[in-house]
Amino acid sequence: MNKEFFKAFTVVFVIILISGCSICRGASLSAVKKSVVFVSSIVLQPDDLMHPVVHKGIGPGFVLDRAGHVLIQLSSISDPHSLECSIESKGYWPAVLIGSDPVTGIGVLQIKGPEKVLSGLKPVDMSERQLGFGEHIYTVGINPDGSRTVVPGVVSAPVTVVGLKSKGIEKVVQTSIFIHRGLDGAPAFDRGGKFIGMAITVAEQPPPNVGYLLPVSLVRWVANSIVEKGSVTRAYLGAEVVSVNKPLAKLLNLPSDKGALIVKVSPGSPASMAGLRGCSRNLRLGNRLYPMGGDLIVAVDRIPIDSDQKLVEVLNQKGPGNKVLLSFYRDGRLKRVQVLLGKR
């Protein structure tokens, strides 16, 4: 009798657990859809709303804050003087482009609506989290008629350098979601409804099962720069660097298992004028070359540097025209030097 009761209790518990998870996912999906805005910059004809493919001039945006700032991709805009945003259940409102970043393609719109409308906006959560390989995610874009569309997928690579050198973007998240025009600029979320990145298209058209996201940290920095200053200015060090991890540090016998290893220094750059050195030789193992002999940057103004991405992030926060104190290892010895950052 006790065994039968235990089995019955277990089945009911599992059913409740699964149902609860489904309800949570449904609730989070319903919530994040309210953060997505339908942006148009062309005059839409009745037939356009029935078109199977999203036209150039319309695309998704998502809410940054309750001041009415919305993030979009510039590639979805036809006429920047005819911008209009459709907010779910709140009507259509004119908008202006207050600034953009040509590197990432991110633009920031300002919705011109009454306080009552703006105060009801639902911003995405820009706090950062680590993504896992194979993690389930989804993007929320728009259809030609303005309705929202949800496309599920998985994280193919949490951090990748593939395919976006031509755009000047070093690191992105690779997913299994093909980014078509209706998803260009769309926000992506994890299963709990947490914002993880901004979908983008690339010049080198990827296969149908590959798409890219700008990571949260980059989207947040670009958006804040545009809102606060109207533009994005990037610091220039003039050094090509690669991330160092434990396996690479052990292989190259480096004094630290974290940091940014300088591979190459551009002539006449701030790094060159500060005396920083790039790699002087390579170690070949099989068909792989590993750069050796370069300075290993481990801190900027005492802020620890554990990757090339962290170095770029910290330098951009410091900004062009500022002096920073770089801590680095050379030939096993810790050194420090001041560098005057340039502008890129």
Protein backbone atom coordinates (compact mmCIF):
# COMPACT_ATOMS: atom_id res chain seq x y z
CA MET A 1 0.00 0.00 0.00
CA ASN A 2 2.82 2.35 0.91
CA LYS A 3 4.64 1.55 -2.35
CA GLU A 4 1.52 2.27 -4.41
CA PHE A 5 0.97 5.54 -2.57
CA PHE A 6 4.61 6.53 -3.14
CA LYS A 7 4.37 5.77 -6.87
CA ALA A 8 1.15 7.77 -7.19
CA PHE A 9 2.65 10.68 -5.24
CA THR A 10 5.77 10.64 -7.43
CA VAL A 11 3.74 10.73 -10.66
CA VAL A 12 1.59 13.61 -9.42
CA PHE A 13 4.68 15.52 -8.24
CA VAL A 14 6.38 15.13 -11.63
CA ILE A 15 3.24 16.27 -13.46
CA ILE A 16 2.97 19.32 -11.22
CA LEU A 17 6.68 20.08 -11.69
CA ILE A 18 6.46 19.84 -15.49
CA SER A 19 3.27 21.91 -15.57
CA GLY A 20 4.88 24.51 -13.34
CA CYS A 21 7.92 24.77 -15.61
CA SER A 22 5.64 25.16 -18.65
CA ILE A 23 3.68 27.89 -16.89
CA CYS A 24 6.94 29.67 -15.97
CA ARG A 25 8.17 29.49 -19.56
CA GLY A 26 4.81 30.72 -20.82
CA ALA A 27 4.84 33.58 -18.32
CA SER A 28 8.41 34.61 -19.22
CA LEU A 29 7.63 34.46 -22.94
CA SER A 30 4.53 36.59 -22.48
CA ALA A 31 6.59 39.11 -20.51
CA VAL A 32 9.50 39.41 -22.96
CA LYS A 33 7.17 39.83 -25.94
CA LYS A 34 6.10 43.10 -24.35
CA SER A 35 9.71 44.31 -24.61
CA VAL A 36 9.74 43.90 -28.40
CA VAL A 37 8.73 46.86 -30.59
CA PHE A 38 7.65 46.85 -34.25
CA VAL A 39 9.72 49.55 -36.00
CA SER A 40 8.77 50.88 -39.44
CA SER A 41 10.47 53.51 -41.60
CA ILE A 42 8.41 53.08 -44.79
CA VAL A 43 4.78 53.62 -45.73
CA LEU A 44 3.08 50.23 -45.44
CA GLN A 45 0.44 49.24 -47.99
CA PRO A 46 -2.34 46.77 -47.06
CA ASP A 47 -0.70 44.10 -49.26
CA ASP A 48 2.60 44.54 -47.43
CA LEU A 49 1.07 43.18 -44.23
CA MET A 50 0.26 39.89 -45.99
CA HIS A 51 3.70 39.48 -47.53
CA PRO A 52 5.49 36.29 -46.40
CA VAL A 53 8.84 38.07 -46.01
CA VAL A 54 9.60 41.15 -43.91
CA HIS A 55 10.29 44.18 -46.14
CA LYS A 56 13.34 46.41 -45.93
CA GLY A 57 12.23 49.31 -43.77
CA ILE A 58 10.55 47.33 -41.02
CA GLY A 59 12.15 45.31 -38.25
CA PRO A 60 12.22 44.51 -34.55
CA GLY A 61 13.49 46.72 -31.76
CA PHE A 62 13.53 46.21 -28.02
CA VAL A 63 13.03 48.51 -25.05
CA LEU A 64 16.13 49.75 -23.22
CA ASP A 65 14.42 51.88 -20.56
CA ARG A 66 11.19 53.67 -19.60
CA ALA A 67 12.53 56.91 -21.06
CA GLY A 68 11.47 55.50 -24.42
CA HIS A 69 14.85 54.36 -25.75
CA VAL A 70 14.66 51.43 -28.16
CA LEU A 71 17.57 49.44 -29.66
CA ILE A 72 17.48 48.43 -33.33
CA GLN A 73 19.82 47.37 -36.11
CA LEU A 74 20.50 50.14 -38.64
CA SER A 75 20.14 47.64 -41.50
CA SER A 76 16.39 47.52 -40.87
CA ILE A 77 15.91 51.28 -41.47
CA SER A 78 15.01 52.74 -44.88
CA ASP A 79 14.16 56.35 -44.04
CA PRO A 80 15.43 57.62 -40.67
CA HIS A 81 13.04 60.58 -40.93
CA SER A 82 9.94 58.34 -41.03
CA LEU A 83 10.45 56.20 -37.96
CA GLU A 84 7.45 54.84 -36.11
CA CYS A 85 7.22 52.34 -33.26
CA SER A 86 4.31 50.04 -32.55
CA ILE A 87 4.19 49.10 -28.88
CA GLU A 88 2.15 46.05 -27.97
CA SER A 89 -1.31 47.21 -26.81
CA LYS A 90 -0.12 50.85 -26.71
CA GLY A 91 -0.55 52.01 -30.32
CA TYR A 92 1.78 53.63 -32.84
CA TRP A 93 4.16 56.43 -31.91
CA PRO A 94 6.75 58.48 -33.85
CA ALA A 95 10.42 58.04 -33.00
CA VAL A 96 13.76 59.70 -33.75
CA LEU A 97 17.21 58.17 -34.19
CA ILE A 98 19.39 59.76 -31.49
CA GLY A 99 22.63 57.94 -32.34
CA SER A 100 24.23 54.83 -33.77
CA ASP A 101 27.36 52.72 -33.85
CA PRO A 102 28.64 51.78 -37.33
CA VAL A 103 30.76 48.91 -35.97
CA THR A 104 27.97 46.89 -34.34
CA GLY A 105 25.14 48.43 -36.38
CA ILE A 106 23.25 49.30 -33.20
CA GLY A 107 20.98 52.33 -33.34
CA VAL A 108 19.06 53.94 -30.48
CA LEU A 109 15.60 55.38 -31.07
CA GLN A 110 13.68 57.72 -28.81
CA ILE A 111 9.92 57.13 -28.82
CA LYS A 112 7.98 60.40 -28.80
CA GLY A 113 5.00 59.35 -26.72
CA PRO A 114 3.20 60.59 -23.62
CA GLU A 115 4.50 59.79 -20.14
CA LYS A 116 1.63 57.38 -19.58
CA VAL A 117 2.77 55.25 -22.53
CA LEU A 118 6.50 55.41 -21.76
CA SER A 119 6.06 54.54 -18.09
CA GLY A 120 4.33 51.32 -19.14
CA LEU A 121 7.24 50.10 -21.26
CA LYS A 122 9.00 46.88 -20.24
CA PRO A 123 12.81 47.19 -20.59
CA VAL A 124 14.97 44.10 -21.05
CA ASP A 125 17.31 43.13 -18.22
CA MET A 126 20.85 44.04 -19.28
CA SER A 127 22.64 42.16 -16.49
CA GLU A 128 25.17 39.64 -17.77
CA ARG A 129 25.30 35.87 -17.35
CA GLN A 130 27.51 33.06 -18.64
CA LEU A 131 26.06 31.04 -21.52
CA GLY A 132 26.55 27.30 -21.83
CA PHE A 133 27.23 25.20 -24.91
CA GLY A 134 23.96 23.69 -26.20
CA GLU A 135 21.82 25.92 -23.97
CA HIS A 136 18.24 26.43 -25.20
CA ILE A 137 17.40 30.01 -26.20
CA TYR A 138 14.92 31.87 -28.38
CA THR A 139 14.62 35.15 -30.26
CA VAL A 140 11.52 37.33 -30.46
CA GLY A 141 11.20 39.15 -33.78
CA ILE A 142 8.37 40.55 -35.88
CA ASN A 143 6.18 39.44 -38.79
CA PRO A 144 5.22 41.73 -41.72
CA ASP A 145 1.87 42.52 -40.06
CA GLY A 146 3.57 43.67 -36.84
CA SER A 147 2.81 40.58 -34.78
CA ARG A 148 5.63 39.00 -32.77
CA THR A 149 7.37 35.81 -33.86
CA VAL A 150 9.31 33.42 -31.63
CA VAL A 151 12.16 31.30 -33.00
CA PRO A 152 13.83 28.72 -30.71
CA GLY A 153 17.39 27.44 -30.97
CA VAL A 154 20.51 26.54 -29.03
CA VAL A 155 23.86 28.14 -28.30
CA SER A 156 26.35 26.64 -30.76
CA ALA A 157 29.34 28.48 -29.27
CA PRO A 158 29.13 30.84 -26.25
CA VAL A 159 32.06 32.88 -27.60
CA THR A 160 33.36 32.70 -31.16
CA VAL A 161 35.60 34.74 -33.46
CA VAL A 162 34.21 33.18 -36.64
CA GLY A 163 32.83 35.20 -39.53
CA LEU A 164 32.65 38.79 -38.29
CA LYS A 165 36.16 40.20 -38.78
CA SER A 166 34.85 42.20 -41.75
CA LYS A 167 32.49 44.09 -39.41
CA GLY A 168 35.22 44.74 -36.85
CA ILE A 169 33.43 42.71 -34.17
CA GLU A 170 35.86 40.43 -32.40
CA LYS A 171 33.62 38.19 -30.31
CA VAL A 172 30.00 37.08 -30.74
CA VAL A 173 27.68 34.30 -29.59
CA GLN A 174 26.99 31.68 -32.27
CA THR A 175 23.56 30.03 -32.31
CA SER A 176 21.55 27.60 -34.42
CA ILE A 177 19.01 30.33 -35.31
CA PHE A 178 19.16 31.69 -38.86
CA ILE A 179 18.79 35.48 -38.62
CA HIS A 180 16.49 36.71 -41.39
CA ARG A 181 15.25 40.29 -41.78
CA GLY A 182 12.40 39.79 -39.31
CA LEU A 183 14.96 38.85 -36.64
CA ASP A 184 17.68 41.39 -37.52
CA GLY A 185 18.12 43.36 -34.30
CA ALA A 186 15.78 41.12 -32.31
CA PRO A 187 16.52 40.36 -28.66
CA ALA A 188 17.44 36.81 -27.66
CA PHE A 189 16.53 35.27 -24.31
CA ASP A 190 17.30 32.17 -22.30
CA ARG A 191 14.53 29.83 -21.16
CA GLY A 192 13.94 31.93 -18.08
CA GLY A 193 13.31 35.06 -20.14
CA LYS A 194 16.69 36.71 -19.42
CA PHE A 195 18.17 38.83 -22.21
CA ILE A 196 21.37 37.28 -23.59
CA GLY A 197 22.13 39.22 -26.78
CA MET A 198 21.05 41.03 -29.94
CA ALA A 199 20.59 39.12 -33.19
CA ILE A 200 22.49 40.45 -36.21
CA THR A 201 22.92 39.59 -39.86
CA VAL A 202 26.40 39.45 -41.44
CA ALA A 203 27.79 40.26 -44.87
CA GLU A 204 29.09 36.72 -45.21
CA GLN A 205 25.69 34.97 -45.25
CA PRO A 206 25.91 31.99 -42.90
CA PRO A 207 24.25 28.61 -43.51
CA PRO A 208 20.55 28.30 -42.51
CA ASN A 209 21.44 26.73 -39.14
CA VAL A 210 23.91 29.44 -38.04
CA GLY A 211 23.24 32.89 -36.61
CA TYR A 212 25.06 35.41 -34.45
CA LEU A 213 24.26 37.48 -31.36
CA LEU A 214 26.05 40.54 -30.03
CA PRO A 215 26.76 39.67 -26.37
CA VAL A 216 25.02 41.53 -23.54
CA SER A 217 28.15 43.35 -22.34
CA LEU A 218 28.77 44.85 -25.80
CA VAL A 219 25.12 45.79 -26.37
CA ARG A 220 24.92 47.43 -22.95
CA TRP A 221 28.12 49.44 -23.42
CA VAL A 222 27.15 50.67 -26.91
CA ALA A 223 23.60 51.56 -25.82
CA ASN A 224 24.76 53.46 -22.73
CA SER A 225 27.38 55.35 -24.74
CA ILE A 226 24.81 56.49 -27.30
CA VAL A 227 22.23 57.49 -24.68
CA GLU A 228 24.78 59.39 -22.56
CA LYS A 229 27.00 60.91 -25.28
CA GLY A 230 25.10 60.51 -28.55
CA SER A 231 27.91 58.45 -30.09
CA VAL A 232 30.35 55.61 -29.47
CA THR A 233 34.07 56.26 -29.13
CA ARG A 234 36.48 53.35 -28.84
CA ALA A 235 39.89 53.47 -27.26
CA TYR A 236 42.86 52.53 -29.45
CA LEU A 237 45.85 50.68 -28.04
CA GLY A 238 47.29 49.42 -31.31
CA ALA A 239 48.03 45.91 -30.14
CA GLU A 240 46.62 42.66 -31.48
CA VAL A 241 46.02 40.34 -28.54
CA VAL A 242 44.75 36.83 -27.79
CA SER A 243 43.24 35.42 -24.60
CA VAL A 244 45.36 33.25 -22.32
CA ASN A 245 43.88 30.31 -20.42
CA LYS A 246 45.39 27.54 -18.30
CA PRO A 247 46.21 25.12 -21.16
CA LEU A 248 47.85 27.85 -23.25
CA ALA A 249 49.76 29.22 -20.24
CA LYS A 250 51.09 25.74 -19.45
CA LEU A 251 52.02 25.12 -23.08
CA LEU A 252 53.91 28.41 -23.44
CA ASN A 253 55.26 28.40 -19.85
CA LEU A 254 53.65 31.76 -19.08
CA PRO A 255 53.80 33.29 -15.56
CA SER A 256 50.00 33.78 -15.43
CA ASP A 257 47.15 31.56 -16.63
CA LYS A 258 44.94 34.59 -17.37
CA GLY A 259 45.51 37.70 -19.42
CA ALA A 260 45.82 39.12 -22.93
CA LEU A 261 48.95 38.11 -24.84
CA ILE A 262 50.22 40.73 -27.31
CA VAL A 263 50.77 39.10 -30.69
CA LYS A 264 51.53 42.18 -32.77
CA VAL A 265 52.07 45.90 -32.13
CA SER A 266 51.18 48.45 -34.83
CA PRO A 267 53.97 50.93 -35.67
CA GLY A 268 53.35 54.42 -34.29
CA SER A 269 50.50 53.22 -32.07
CA PRO A 270 50.08 54.03 -28.34
CA ALA A 271 51.31 50.51 -27.56
CA SER A 272 54.40 51.01 -29.72
CA MET A 273 55.21 54.41 -28.17
CA ALA A 274 54.89 52.87 -24.69
CA GLY A 275 57.45 50.20 -25.62
CA LEU A 276 55.13 47.20 -25.56
CA ARG A 277 56.28 44.17 -27.56
CA GLY A 278 54.50 41.61 -29.66
CA CYS A 279 55.43 37.98 -30.21
CA SER A 280 58.82 37.32 -31.77
CA ARG A 281 58.48 33.63 -32.65
CA ASN A 282 56.00 30.80 -33.01
CA LEU A 283 55.72 27.34 -31.52
CA ARG A 284 54.46 24.76 -34.00
CA LEU A 285 52.64 21.68 -32.74
CA GLY A 286 51.26 19.65 -35.61
CA ASN A 287 49.38 22.05 -37.86
CA ARG A 288 48.95 24.72 -35.21
CA LEU A 289 51.10 27.78 -34.57
CA TYR A 290 51.25 29.34 -31.11
CA PRO A 291 52.72 32.86 -30.79
CA MET A 292 55.47 33.25 -28.19
CA GLY A 293 57.58 35.99 -26.67
CA GLY A 294 55.02 38.80 -26.47
CA ASP A 295 54.10 40.87 -23.43
CA LEU A 296 51.26 39.41 -21.35
CA ILE A 297 48.85 42.12 -20.10
CA VAL A 298 47.30 41.16 -16.75
CA ALA A 299 45.85 44.46 -15.45
CA VAL A 300 44.78 47.96 -16.48
CA ASP A 301 44.82 50.52 -13.64
CA ARG A 302 44.92 47.56 -11.22
CA ILE A 303 41.78 46.06 -12.84
CA PRO A 304 42.50 42.36 -13.56
CA ILE A 305 42.49 41.36 -17.23
CA ASP A 306 41.58 37.72 -17.85
CA SER A 307 40.89 37.81 -21.63
CA ASP A 308 41.26 39.89 -24.78
CA GLN A 309 37.56 40.80 -24.53
CA LYS A 310 38.02 42.10 -20.99
CA LEU A 311 40.96 44.22 -22.14
CA VAL A 312 38.88 45.85 -24.89
CA GLU A 313 36.00 46.41 -22.48
CA VAL A 314 38.17 48.08 -19.82
CA LEU A 315 40.06 50.27 -22.31
CA ASN A 316 36.79 51.47 -23.85
CA GLN A 317 35.49 52.34 -20.40
CA LYS A 318 38.63 54.40 -19.78
CA GLY A 319 38.15 56.14 -23.14
CA PRO A 320 40.40 57.78 -25.75
CA GLY A 321 42.80 60.49 -24.56
CA ASN A 322 43.22 59.00 -21.07
CA LYS A 323 46.39 57.59 -19.56
CA VAL A 324 46.19 54.08 -18.15
CA LEU A 325 48.68 51.98 -16.19
CA LEU A 326 49.26 48.64 -17.88
CA SER A 327 50.65 45.75 -15.83
CA PHE A 328 52.29 43.06 -17.93
CA TYR A 329 54.75 40.19 -17.82
CA ARG A 330 57.87 40.21 -19.99
CA ASP A 331 60.34 37.34 -19.78
CA GLY A 332 58.69 36.23 -16.54
CA ARG A 333 59.04 39.60 -14.79
CA LEU A 334 56.12 41.87 -13.88
CA LYS A 335 56.43 45.38 -15.33
CA ARG A 336 54.22 48.47 -15.48
CA VAL A 337 53.98 51.28 -18.01
CA GLN A 338 51.68 54.23 -18.63
CA VAL A 339 49.95 54.37 -22.02
CA LEU A 340 48.09 57.30 -23.56
CA LEU A 341 45.09 55.76 -25.34
CA GLY A 342 44.25 56.85 -28.86
CA LYS A 343 40.87 56.93 -30.64
CA ARG A 344 39.64 54.28 -33.05
